[in-house]
Amino acid sequence: MSQVATRFQMTPRQIALVKSTVAKDCNDDEFSLFMEVASAKGLDPFLGQIIPMVFNKGSAEKRKMTIIVSRDGQRVIAQRCGDYRPASKPPIYDIDKDLISPLNPQGVVAVTTYLWKQDPRSGEWYEVAGQAFWDEMAPVTDEWVYDQDAGKRKPTGKRVLDNSGNWCRMPRLMIAKCAEMQALRAGWPEQFTGLYDEAEMDRAKVIDITASEIVQHEKEESRMRAIGGKDSITLTWGDNYALENVPVGQLADRALQFINDESAETVRKWADANREPLRLFWAKHPGDALAIKKAIEAKSSKKEAA
């Protein structure tokens, strides 16, 4: 026990307290993993800097744990990197008042935040962008009610915004936390790949995807970043086209031309096929990426109108 206390900088009593409070949903293996990560990251569970979240606790086959790093914990890790500075300006919100509804209380389309990273060679500071879209992050799900006649829960056909957390009360703050975590992953992947803010996990909780699926998504994003390289992004332009590395400076013009020339159905398939590369482009060039997103939506609306 003395080795454990020294390793985690905690007494046996403190470790037992973490197990019975912060990590009460964890089994023994999950708890050991959580403590290993907390120790490796130098984060304090008692201060809420790192939190374990267990999905599908009632199913042995689906049961998975993912580890949440709170906003305070994220900034502690970033500050230790030595090449990080926090944002020097407030997040930039893209608001569409026509979208204001119970599913989007303030009509937020997206938010972009900028952190500062120091170039190790030149010593110059440059901005790292992180962007989060409301329709991808907000915990909106199908509404279910208990049907007395059927004796079970059934969907009503309506969509609802989960009101058990802060997304209804503080929508701008919650989506901004997602954007900041995106920026941290983009600028400091070694420290933040595979770690999540609790706001990002709210959607996972309401749609019941597993932690392993979320981690797999992040692995795919990392792979796309590696394949795309520093100044290009890898994507395809159609069902029968090979993958192509497109310089980021050309991607917006080519994408907008493609969207303009092709049918709504082709554009929809293209956007689905290139979901991950487009996410990467949003992190690099949020302004141009937003123009692409709006062009895709405009093309889709034309199809519906027709």
C-alpha atoms as a PDB file:
ATOM      1  CA  MET A   1       0.000   0.000   0.000  1.00  0.00           C
ATOM      2  CA  SER A   2       2.872   2.412   0.606  1.00  0.00           C
ATOM      3  CA  GLN A   3       3.933   2.049  -3.020  1.00  0.00           C
ATOM      4  CA  VAL A   4       0.427   2.937  -4.156  1.00  0.00           C
ATOM      5  CA  ALA A   5       0.319   6.011  -1.947  1.00  0.00           C
ATOM      6  CA  THR A   6       3.675   7.224  -3.233  1.00  0.00           C
ATOM      7  CA  ARG A   7       2.857   6.532  -6.865  1.00  0.00           C
ATOM      8  CA  PHE A   8      -0.425   8.425  -6.884  1.00  0.00           C
ATOM      9  CA  GLN A   9       0.607  11.030  -4.334  1.00  0.00           C
ATOM     10  CA  MET A  10      -2.341   9.898  -2.220  1.00  0.00           C
ATOM     11  CA  THR A  11      -2.745   7.981   0.974  1.00  0.00           C
ATOM     12  CA  PRO A  12      -4.603   4.652   0.903  1.00  0.00           C
ATOM     13  CA  ARG A  13      -7.512   6.412   2.616  1.00  0.00           C
ATOM     14  CA  GLN A  14      -7.669   9.029  -0.131  1.00  0.00           C
ATOM     15  CA  ILE A  15      -7.565   6.386  -2.860  1.00  0.00           C
ATOM     16  CA  ALA A  16     -10.421   4.539  -1.168  1.00  0.00           C
ATOM     17  CA  LEU A  17     -12.366   7.805  -0.980  1.00  0.00           C
ATOM     18  CA  VAL A  18     -11.940   8.377  -4.731  1.00  0.00           C
ATOM     19  CA  LYS A  19     -13.259   4.864  -5.351  1.00  0.00           C
ATOM     20  CA  SER A  20     -16.349   5.422  -3.207  1.00  0.00           C
ATOM     21  CA  THR A  21     -17.182   8.908  -4.509  1.00  0.00           C
ATOM     22  CA  VAL A  22     -15.747  10.176  -7.798  1.00  0.00           C
ATOM     23  CA  ALA A  23     -15.346   6.687  -9.279  1.00  0.00           C
ATOM     24  CA  LYS A  24     -18.210   4.868  -7.566  1.00  0.00           C
ATOM     25  CA  ASP A  25     -19.556   3.495 -10.890  1.00  0.00           C
ATOM     26  CA  CYS A  26     -16.213   1.906 -11.824  1.00  0.00           C
ATOM     27  CA  ASN A  27     -15.383  -1.739 -11.365  1.00  0.00           C
ATOM     28  CA  ASP A  28     -11.889  -2.656 -10.159  1.00  0.00           C
ATOM     29  CA  ASP A  29     -10.243  -2.715 -13.596  1.00  0.00           C
ATOM     30  CA  GLU A  30     -11.879   0.546 -14.639  1.00  0.00           C
ATOM     31  CA  PHE A  31     -10.837   2.187 -11.397  1.00  0.00           C
ATOM     32  CA  SER A  32      -7.237   1.055 -11.843  1.00  0.00           C
ATOM     33  CA  LEU A  33      -7.227   2.452 -15.386  1.00  0.00           C
ATOM     34  CA  PHE A  34      -8.754   5.729 -14.222  1.00  0.00           C
ATOM     35  CA  MET A  35      -6.133   6.138 -11.503  1.00  0.00           C
ATOM     36  CA  GLU A  36      -3.337   5.367 -13.978  1.00  0.00           C
ATOM     37  CA  VAL A  37      -4.554   8.102 -16.323  1.00  0.00           C
ATOM     38  CA  ALA A  38      -5.068  10.572 -13.460  1.00  0.00           C
ATOM     39  CA  SER A  39      -1.513   9.908 -12.301  1.00  0.00           C
ATOM     40  CA  ALA A  40      -0.055  10.137 -15.806  1.00  0.00           C
ATOM     41  CA  LYS A  41      -1.827  13.436 -16.469  1.00  0.00           C
ATOM     42  CA  GLY A  42      -1.116  14.798 -13.003  1.00  0.00           C
ATOM     43  CA  LEU A  43      -4.768  15.654 -12.366  1.00  0.00           C
ATOM     44  CA  ASP A  44      -6.658  15.666  -9.083  1.00  0.00           C
ATOM     45  CA  PRO A  45      -9.951  13.715  -8.960  1.00  0.00           C
ATOM     46  CA  PHE A  46     -10.980  15.504  -5.764  1.00  0.00           C
ATOM     47  CA  LEU A  47     -10.890  18.873  -7.557  1.00  0.00           C
ATOM     48  CA  GLY A  48     -12.992  17.536 -10.411  1.00  0.00           C
ATOM     49  CA  GLN A  49     -10.117  17.872 -12.875  1.00  0.00           C
ATOM     50  CA  ILE A  50     -10.630  14.309 -14.118  1.00  0.00           C
ATOM     51  CA  ILE A  51     -13.780  12.170 -13.985  1.00  0.00           C
ATOM     52  CA  PRO A  52     -14.597   8.601 -15.072  1.00  0.00           C
ATOM     53  CA  MET A  53     -17.842   8.078 -16.987  1.00  0.00           C
ATOM     54  CA  VAL A  54     -19.218   4.555 -17.345  1.00  0.00           C
ATOM     55  CA  PHE A  55     -21.612   3.784 -20.199  1.00  0.00           C
ATOM     56  CA  ASN A  56     -24.112   0.922 -20.262  1.00  0.00           C
ATOM     57  CA  LYS A  57     -23.539  -0.036 -16.644  1.00  0.00           C
ATOM     58  CA  GLY A  58     -26.270  -2.667 -16.861  1.00  0.00           C
ATOM     59  CA  SER A  59     -24.795  -4.538 -19.824  1.00  0.00           C
ATOM     60  CA  ALA A  60     -21.584  -6.511 -19.436  1.00  0.00           C
ATOM     61  CA  GLU A  61     -21.088  -6.697 -23.211  1.00  0.00           C
ATOM     62  CA  LYS A  62     -21.607  -2.986 -23.924  1.00  0.00           C
ATOM     63  CA  ARG A  63     -20.160  -1.614 -20.696  1.00  0.00           C
ATOM     64  CA  LYS A  64     -17.360   0.881 -21.416  1.00  0.00           C
ATOM     65  CA  MET A  65     -15.640   3.653 -19.502  1.00  0.00           C
ATOM     66  CA  THR A  66     -14.329   6.904 -20.910  1.00  0.00           C
ATOM     67  CA  ILE A  67     -12.371   9.524 -19.024  1.00  0.00           C
ATOM     68  CA  ILE A  68     -13.524  13.121 -18.837  1.00  0.00           C
ATOM     69  CA  VAL A  69     -11.137  15.998 -18.227  1.00  0.00           C
ATOM     70  CA  SER A  70     -12.942  19.079 -16.946  1.00  0.00           C
ATOM     71  CA  ARG A  71     -12.212  22.553 -18.244  1.00  0.00           C
ATOM     72  CA  ASP A  72      -9.986  23.237 -15.250  1.00  0.00           C
ATOM     73  CA  GLY A  73      -8.115  20.002 -15.868  1.00  0.00           C
ATOM     74  CA  GLN A  74      -7.680  20.808 -19.546  1.00  0.00           C
ATOM     75  CA  ARG A  75      -6.118  24.154 -18.738  1.00  0.00           C
ATOM     76  CA  VAL A  76      -3.831  22.608 -16.142  1.00  0.00           C
ATOM     77  CA  ILE A  77      -2.483  20.168 -18.740  1.00  0.00           C
ATOM     78  CA  ALA A  78      -2.167  22.883 -21.390  1.00  0.00           C
ATOM     79  CA  GLN A  79      -0.337  25.261 -19.045  1.00  0.00           C
ATOM     80  CA  ARG A  80       2.255  22.596 -18.287  1.00  0.00           C
ATOM     81  CA  CYS A  81       3.065  22.233 -21.988  1.00  0.00           C
ATOM     82  CA  GLY A  82       4.993  25.505 -21.936  1.00  0.00           C
ATOM     83  CA  ASP A  83       3.895  26.478 -25.450  1.00  0.00           C
ATOM     84  CA  TYR A  84       0.284  27.358 -24.605  1.00  0.00           C
ATOM     85  CA  ARG A  85      -1.468  30.648 -23.987  1.00  0.00           C
ATOM     86  CA  PRO A  86      -5.202  30.948 -23.364  1.00  0.00           C
ATOM     87  CA  ALA A  87      -7.538  32.759 -25.720  1.00  0.00           C
ATOM     88  CA  SER A  88      -7.004  36.513 -25.859  1.00  0.00           C
ATOM     89  CA  LYS A  89     -10.514  37.232 -27.158  1.00  0.00           C
ATOM     90  CA  PRO A  90     -14.000  35.861 -26.507  1.00  0.00           C
ATOM     91  CA  PRO A  91     -15.347  32.977 -28.594  1.00  0.00           C
ATOM     92  CA  ILE A  92     -16.898  33.987 -31.905  1.00  0.00           C
ATOM     93  CA  TYR A  93     -20.517  32.861 -32.234  1.00  0.00           C
ATOM     94  CA  ASP A  94     -22.395  32.365 -35.484  1.00  0.00           C
ATOM     95  CA  ILE A  95     -26.024  33.083 -34.586  1.00  0.00           C
ATOM     96  CA  ASP A  96     -29.107  32.575 -36.735  1.00  0.00           C
ATOM     97  CA  LYS A  97     -32.210  33.969 -35.016  1.00  0.00           C
ATOM     98  CA  ASP A  98     -34.412  31.873 -37.308  1.00  0.00           C
ATOM     99  CA  LEU A  99     -33.045  28.781 -35.561  1.00  0.00           C
ATOM    100  CA  ILE A 100     -34.197  29.864 -32.085  1.00  0.00           C
ATOM    101  CA  SER A 101     -36.412  27.094 -30.742  1.00  0.00           C
ATOM    102  CA  PRO A 102     -36.699  24.745 -27.767  1.00  0.00           C
ATOM    103  CA  LEU A 103     -33.966  22.669 -29.464  1.00  0.00           C
ATOM    104  CA  ASN A 104     -31.647  25.681 -29.789  1.00  0.00           C
ATOM    105  CA  PRO A 105     -32.521  28.373 -27.210  1.00  0.00           C
ATOM    106  CA  GLN A 106     -30.235  31.057 -28.681  1.00  0.00           C
ATOM    107  CA  GLY A 107     -30.050  30.058 -32.335  1.00  0.00           C
ATOM    108  CA  VAL A 108     -26.385  29.055 -32.220  1.00  0.00           C
ATOM    109  CA  VAL A 109     -25.058  27.678 -35.510  1.00  0.00           C
ATOM    110  CA  ALA A 110     -21.433  27.304 -34.456  1.00  0.00           C
ATOM    111  CA  VAL A 111     -18.763  28.796 -32.229  1.00  0.00           C
ATOM    112  CA  THR A 112     -15.069  29.253 -32.901  1.00  0.00           C
ATOM    113  CA  THR A 113     -12.413  29.803 -30.279  1.00  0.00           C
ATOM    114  CA  TYR A 114      -8.721  30.599 -30.747  1.00  0.00           C
ATOM    115  CA  LEU A 115      -5.904  29.499 -28.455  1.00  0.00           C
ATOM    116  CA  TRP A 116      -2.246  30.450 -28.792  1.00  0.00           C
ATOM    117  CA  LYS A 117       0.603  28.027 -29.461  1.00  0.00           C
ATOM    118  CA  GLN A 118       4.312  28.824 -29.695  1.00  0.00           C
ATOM    119  CA  ASP A 119       6.299  27.595 -32.674  1.00  0.00           C
ATOM    120  CA  PRO A 120       9.249  25.594 -31.268  1.00  0.00           C
ATOM    121  CA  ARG A 121      11.610  26.791 -34.012  1.00  0.00           C
ATOM    122  CA  SER A 122      10.835  30.460 -34.484  1.00  0.00           C
ATOM    123  CA  GLY A 123       9.438  31.137 -31.032  1.00  0.00           C
ATOM    124  CA  GLU A 124       6.537  33.018 -32.633  1.00  0.00           C
ATOM    125  CA  TRP A 125       2.993  32.566 -31.367  1.00  0.00           C
ATOM    126  CA  TYR A 126       0.173  31.578 -33.695  1.00  0.00           C
ATOM    127  CA  GLU A 127      -3.515  30.935 -33.199  1.00  0.00           C
ATOM    128  CA  VAL A 128      -5.018  27.446 -33.084  1.00  0.00           C
ATOM    129  CA  ALA A 129      -8.703  27.351 -33.977  1.00  0.00           C
ATOM    130  CA  GLY A 130     -11.331  25.071 -32.532  1.00  0.00           C
ATOM    131  CA  GLN A 131     -14.875  25.015 -33.861  1.00  0.00           C
ATOM    132  CA  ALA A 132     -18.025  23.261 -32.686  1.00  0.00           C
ATOM    133  CA  PHE A 133     -21.407  23.134 -34.416  1.00  0.00           C
ATOM    134  CA  TRP A 134     -24.616  23.098 -32.433  1.00  0.00           C
ATOM    135  CA  ASP A 135     -26.270  20.389 -34.539  1.00  0.00           C
ATOM    136  CA  GLU A 136     -23.294  18.087 -33.940  1.00  0.00           C
ATOM    137  CA  MET A 137     -22.710  18.675 -30.227  1.00  0.00           C
ATOM    138  CA  ALA A 138     -26.004  19.595 -28.554  1.00  0.00           C
ATOM    139  CA  PRO A 139     -27.714  16.684 -26.755  1.00  0.00           C
ATOM    140  CA  VAL A 140     -30.828  16.610 -28.939  1.00  0.00           C
ATOM    141  CA  THR A 141     -32.590  13.274 -29.081  1.00  0.00           C
ATOM    142  CA  ASP A 142     -35.935  11.609 -29.706  1.00  0.00           C
ATOM    143  CA  GLU A 143     -38.570  12.115 -27.045  1.00  0.00           C
ATOM    144  CA  TRP A 144     -39.797   8.928 -25.389  1.00  0.00           C
ATOM    145  CA  VAL A 145     -42.851   8.521 -23.134  1.00  0.00           C
ATOM    146  CA  TYR A 146     -44.328   5.585 -21.302  1.00  0.00           C
ATOM    147  CA  ASP A 147     -47.273   4.031 -23.132  1.00  0.00           C
ATOM    148  CA  GLN A 148     -49.706   2.686 -20.539  1.00  0.00           C
ATOM    149  CA  ASP A 149     -51.492   0.413 -23.002  1.00  0.00           C
ATOM    150  CA  ALA A 150     -48.316  -1.102 -24.430  1.00  0.00           C
ATOM    151  CA  GLY A 151     -46.620  -1.233 -21.051  1.00  0.00           C
ATOM    152  CA  LYS A 152     -43.355   0.213 -22.380  1.00  0.00           C
ATOM    153  CA  ARG A 153     -41.707   3.418 -23.520  1.00  0.00           C
ATOM    154  CA  LYS A 154     -42.318   4.599 -27.084  1.00  0.00           C
ATOM    155  CA  PRO A 155     -41.005   7.502 -29.167  1.00  0.00           C
ATOM    156  CA  THR A 156     -43.421  10.395 -29.679  1.00  0.00           C
ATOM    157  CA  GLY A 157     -41.889  11.486 -32.982  1.00  0.00           C
ATOM    158  CA  LYS A 158     -40.677  14.739 -31.415  1.00  0.00           C
ATOM    159  CA  ARG A 159     -37.098  15.869 -30.825  1.00  0.00           C
ATOM    160  CA  VAL A 160     -36.067  17.386 -27.484  1.00  0.00           C
ATOM    161  CA  LEU A 161     -33.016  19.085 -25.994  1.00  0.00           C
ATOM    162  CA  ASP A 162     -31.894  17.263 -22.871  1.00  0.00           C
ATOM    163  CA  ASN A 163     -32.861  19.498 -19.955  1.00  0.00           C
ATOM    164  CA  SER A 164     -31.076  17.561 -17.242  1.00  0.00           C
ATOM    165  CA  GLY A 165     -27.820  19.530 -17.671  1.00  0.00           C
ATOM    166  CA  ASN A 166     -26.711  23.008 -18.666  1.00  0.00           C
ATOM    167  CA  TRP A 167     -27.431  23.022 -22.400  1.00  0.00           C
ATOM    168  CA  CYS A 168     -30.818  24.676 -21.871  1.00  0.00           C
ATOM    169  CA  ARG A 169     -29.594  27.120 -19.218  1.00  0.00           C
ATOM    170  CA  MET A 170     -26.148  27.995 -20.615  1.00  0.00           C
ATOM    171  CA  PRO A 171     -26.078  26.984 -24.288  1.00  0.00           C
ATOM    172  CA  ARG A 172     -23.318  29.401 -25.320  1.00  0.00           C
ATOM    173  CA  LEU A 173     -20.996  28.250 -22.549  1.00  0.00           C
ATOM    174  CA  MET A 174     -21.550  24.562 -23.297  1.00  0.00           C
ATOM    175  CA  ILE A 175     -20.874  24.788 -27.023  1.00  0.00           C
ATOM    176  CA  ALA A 176     -17.835  27.016 -26.342  1.00  0.00           C
ATOM    177  CA  LYS A 177     -16.380  24.303 -24.091  1.00  0.00           C
ATOM    178  CA  CYS A 178     -16.647  21.852 -26.976  1.00  0.00           C
ATOM    179  CA  ALA A 179     -14.855  24.292 -29.298  1.00  0.00           C
ATOM    180  CA  GLU A 180     -12.055  24.867 -26.798  1.00  0.00           C
ATOM    181  CA  MET A 181     -11.470  21.129 -26.484  1.00  0.00           C
ATOM    182  CA  GLN A 182     -11.320  20.862 -30.289  1.00  0.00           C
ATOM    183  CA  ALA A 183      -8.625  23.557 -30.300  1.00  0.00           C
ATOM    184  CA  LEU A 184      -6.657  21.774 -27.595  1.00  0.00           C
ATOM    185  CA  ARG A 185      -6.723  18.525 -29.589  1.00  0.00           C
ATOM    186  CA  ALA A 186      -5.678  20.317 -32.761  1.00  0.00           C
ATOM    187  CA  GLY A 187      -2.786  22.178 -31.136  1.00  0.00           C
ATOM    188  CA  TRP A 188      -1.632  19.643 -28.545  1.00  0.00           C
ATOM    189  CA  PRO A 189      -2.682  16.198 -29.831  1.00  0.00           C
ATOM    190  CA  GLU A 190      -0.184  14.273 -27.721  1.00  0.00           C
ATOM    191  CA  GLN A 191      -1.715  15.602 -24.529  1.00  0.00           C
ATOM    192  CA  PHE A 192      -5.404  15.650 -25.500  1.00  0.00           C
ATOM    193  CA  THR A 193      -6.128  12.896 -28.036  1.00  0.00           C
ATOM    194  CA  GLY A 194      -8.598  10.490 -26.449  1.00  0.00           C
ATOM    195  CA  LEU A 195      -9.630  12.912 -23.667  1.00  0.00           C
ATOM    196  CA  TYR A 196     -13.035  14.580 -23.628  1.00  0.00           C
ATOM    197  CA  ASP A 197     -14.821  17.483 -22.021  1.00  0.00           C
ATOM    198  CA  GLU A 198     -18.040  16.585 -20.227  1.00  0.00           C
ATOM    199  CA  ALA A 199     -20.001  18.855 -22.578  1.00  0.00           C
ATOM    200  CA  GLU A 200     -18.895  16.691 -25.506  1.00  0.00           C
ATOM    201  CA  MET A 201     -20.182  13.588 -23.759  1.00  0.00           C
ATOM    202  CA  ASP A 202     -23.674  14.942 -23.068  1.00  0.00           C
ATOM    203  CA  ARG A 203     -24.755  14.034 -26.587  1.00  0.00           C
ATOM    204  CA  ALA A 204     -23.274  10.572 -26.176  1.00  0.00           C
ATOM    205  CA  LYS A 205     -25.283  10.073 -23.001  1.00  0.00           C
ATOM    206  CA  VAL A 206     -28.628  10.909 -24.580  1.00  0.00           C
ATOM    207  CA  ILE A 207     -28.104   8.951 -27.816  1.00  0.00           C
ATOM    208  CA  ASP A 208     -26.458   6.056 -25.932  1.00  0.00           C
ATOM    209  CA  ILE A 209     -23.363   5.552 -28.044  1.00  0.00           C
ATOM    210  CA  THR A 210     -20.587   3.725 -26.282  1.00  0.00           C
ATOM    211  CA  ALA A 211     -17.315   5.144 -25.092  1.00  0.00           C
ATOM    212  CA  SER A 212     -15.429   2.814 -27.434  1.00  0.00           C
ATOM    213  CA  GLU A 213     -17.276   4.264 -30.432  1.00  0.00           C
ATOM    214  CA  ILE A 214     -16.312   7.781 -29.353  1.00  0.00           C
ATOM    215  CA  VAL A 215     -12.673   6.789 -28.920  1.00  0.00           C
ATOM    216  CA  GLN A 216     -12.732   5.130 -32.347  1.00  0.00           C
ATOM    217  CA  HIS A 217     -14.038   8.377 -33.822  1.00  0.00           C
ATOM    218  CA  GLU A 218     -11.114  10.271 -32.314  1.00  0.00           C
ATOM    219  CA  LYS A 219      -8.652   7.687 -33.666  1.00  0.00           C
ATOM    220  CA  GLU A 220     -10.113   8.188 -37.142  1.00  0.00           C
ATOM    221  CA  GLU A 221      -9.730  11.950 -36.778  1.00  0.00           C
ATOM    222  CA  SER A 222      -6.089  11.494 -35.794  1.00  0.00           C
ATOM    223  CA  ARG A 223      -5.515   9.201 -38.769  1.00  0.00           C
ATOM    224  CA  MET A 224      -7.031  11.741 -41.131  1.00  0.00           C
ATOM    225  CA  ARG A 225      -4.810  14.445 -39.687  1.00  0.00           C
ATOM    226  CA  ALA A 226      -1.762  12.246 -40.307  1.00  0.00           C
ATOM    227  CA  ILE A 227      -2.786  11.318 -43.855  1.00  0.00           C
ATOM    228  CA  GLY A 228      -3.736  14.862 -44.769  1.00  0.00           C
ATOM    229  CA  GLY A 229      -0.397  16.268 -43.669  1.00  0.00           C
ATOM    230  CA  LYS A 230       0.334  19.778 -42.503  1.00  0.00           C
ATOM    231  CA  ASP A 231      -0.879  21.733 -45.529  1.00  0.00           C
ATOM    232  CA  SER A 232      -3.333  19.383 -47.242  1.00  0.00           C
ATOM    233  CA  ILE A 233      -6.473  17.405 -46.489  1.00  0.00           C
ATOM    234  CA  THR A 234      -7.309  14.034 -47.977  1.00  0.00           C
ATOM    235  CA  LEU A 235     -10.786  13.585 -49.428  1.00  0.00           C
ATOM    236  CA  THR A 236     -12.688  12.189 -52.403  1.00  0.00           C
ATOM    237  CA  TRP A 237     -14.807  14.011 -54.987  1.00  0.00           C
ATOM    238  CA  GLY A 238     -17.210  11.234 -55.912  1.00  0.00           C
ATOM    239  CA  ASP A 239     -18.138   7.558 -55.736  1.00  0.00           C
ATOM    240  CA  ASN A 240     -15.587   6.502 -58.346  1.00  0.00           C
ATOM    241  CA  TYR A 241     -12.758   8.872 -57.489  1.00  0.00           C
ATOM    242  CA  ALA A 242      -9.615   7.962 -55.596  1.00  0.00           C
ATOM    243  CA  LEU A 243      -8.525   9.822 -52.502  1.00  0.00           C
ATOM    244  CA  GLU A 244      -6.757  13.093 -53.206  1.00  0.00           C
ATOM    245  CA  ASN A 245      -4.566  15.325 -51.028  1.00  0.00           C
ATOM    246  CA  VAL A 246      -5.985  18.819 -51.576  1.00  0.00           C
ATOM    247  CA  PRO A 247      -3.996  21.860 -50.399  1.00  0.00           C
ATOM    248  CA  VAL A 248      -6.013  23.654 -47.733  1.00  0.00           C
ATOM    249  CA  GLY A 249      -5.724  26.890 -49.679  1.00  0.00           C
ATOM    250  CA  GLN A 250      -7.581  25.342 -52.622  1.00  0.00           C
ATOM    251  CA  LEU A 251     -10.130  23.231 -50.796  1.00  0.00           C
ATOM    252  CA  ALA A 252     -12.823  25.880 -50.237  1.00  0.00           C
ATOM    253  CA  ASP A 253     -12.897  27.040 -53.881  1.00  0.00           C
ATOM    254  CA  ARG A 254     -12.968  23.490 -55.206  1.00  0.00           C
ATOM    255  CA  ALA A 255     -15.616  22.382 -52.732  1.00  0.00           C
ATOM    256  CA  LEU A 256     -17.890  25.335 -53.464  1.00  0.00           C
ATOM    257  CA  GLN A 257     -17.550  24.739 -57.203  1.00  0.00           C
ATOM    258  CA  PHE A 258     -18.327  21.045 -56.715  1.00  0.00           C
ATOM    259  CA  ILE A 259     -21.411  21.844 -54.620  1.00  0.00           C
ATOM    260  CA  ASN A 260     -22.619  24.334 -57.208  1.00  0.00           C
ATOM    261  CA  ASP A 261     -22.164  21.949 -60.164  1.00  0.00           C
ATOM    262  CA  GLU A 262     -23.477  18.690 -58.698  1.00  0.00           C
ATOM    263  CA  SER A 263     -26.949  17.516 -57.731  1.00  0.00           C
ATOM    264  CA  ALA A 264     -28.253  17.760 -54.185  1.00  0.00           C
ATOM    265  CA  GLU A 265     -28.057  13.974 -53.768  1.00  0.00           C
ATOM    266  CA  THR A 266     -24.450  13.866 -54.996  1.00  0.00           C
ATOM    267  CA  VAL A 267     -23.514  16.695 -52.641  1.00  0.00           C
ATOM    268  CA  ARG A 268     -25.169  14.918 -49.713  1.00  0.00           C
ATOM    269  CA  LYS A 269     -23.227  11.723 -50.428  1.00  0.00           C
ATOM    270  CA  TRP A 270     -20.023  13.717 -50.846  1.00  0.00           C
ATOM    271  CA  ALA A 271     -20.508  15.478 -47.502  1.00  0.00           C
ATOM    272  CA  ASP A 272     -21.204  12.154 -45.744  1.00  0.00           C
ATOM    273  CA  ALA A 273     -18.174  10.486 -47.343  1.00  0.00           C
ATOM    274  CA  ASN A 274     -15.904  13.370 -46.349  1.00  0.00           C
ATOM    275  CA  ARG A 275     -17.288  14.056 -42.881  1.00  0.00           C
ATOM    276  CA  GLU A 276     -13.951  13.592 -41.113  1.00  0.00           C
ATOM    277  CA  PRO A 277     -11.799  15.549 -43.610  1.00  0.00           C
ATOM    278  CA  LEU A 278     -14.304  18.409 -43.425  1.00  0.00           C
ATOM    279  CA  ARG A 279     -14.089  18.388 -39.631  1.00  0.00           C
ATOM    280  CA  LEU A 280     -10.339  18.783 -39.954  1.00  0.00           C
ATOM    281  CA  PHE A 281     -10.803  21.644 -42.396  1.00  0.00           C
ATOM    282  CA  TRP A 282     -13.137  23.353 -39.893  1.00  0.00           C
ATOM    283  CA  ALA A 283     -10.338  23.272 -37.322  1.00  0.00           C
ATOM    284  CA  LYS A 284      -7.851  24.802 -39.770  1.00  0.00           C
ATOM    285  CA  HIS A 285     -10.050  27.337 -41.621  1.00  0.00           C
ATOM    286  CA  PRO A 286     -13.362  27.860 -39.791  1.00  0.00           C
ATOM    287  CA  GLY A 287     -14.463  30.784 -41.968  1.00  0.00           C
ATOM    288  CA  ASP A 288     -14.071  28.941 -45.282  1.00  0.00           C
ATOM    289  CA  ALA A 289     -15.473  25.769 -43.743  1.00  0.00           C
ATOM    290  CA  LEU A 290     -18.596  27.590 -42.616  1.00  0.00           C
ATOM    291  CA  ALA A 291     -19.113  28.802 -46.195  1.00  0.00           C
ATOM    292  CA  ILE A 292     -18.945  25.176 -47.368  1.00  0.00           C
ATOM    293  CA  LYS A 293     -21.412  24.101 -44.684  1.00  0.00           C
ATOM    294  CA  LYS A 294     -23.884  26.813 -45.679  1.00  0.00           C
ATOM    295  CA  ALA A 295     -23.523  25.897 -49.370  1.00  0.00           C
ATOM    296  CA  ILE A 296     -24.322  22.263 -48.557  1.00  0.00           C
ATOM    297  CA  GLU A 297     -27.376  23.326 -46.552  1.00  0.00           C
ATOM    298  CA  ALA A 298     -28.531  25.642 -49.354  1.00  0.00           C
ATOM    299  CA  LYS A 299     -28.242  22.836 -51.900  1.00  0.00           C
ATOM    300  CA  SER A 300     -30.242  20.547 -49.621  1.00  0.00           C
ATOM    301  CA  SER A 301     -32.972  23.139 -49.145  1.00  0.00           C
ATOM    302  CA  LYS A 302     -33.336  23.486 -52.924  1.00  0.00           C
ATOM    303  CA  LYS A 303     -33.912  19.758 -53.157  1.00  0.00           C
ATOM    304  CA  GLU A 304     -36.604  19.915 -50.467  1.00  0.00           C
ATOM    305  CA  ALA A 305     -38.277  22.884 -52.141  1.00  0.00           C
ATOM    306  CA  ALA A 306     -38.344  21.044 -55.454  1.00  0.00           C
END
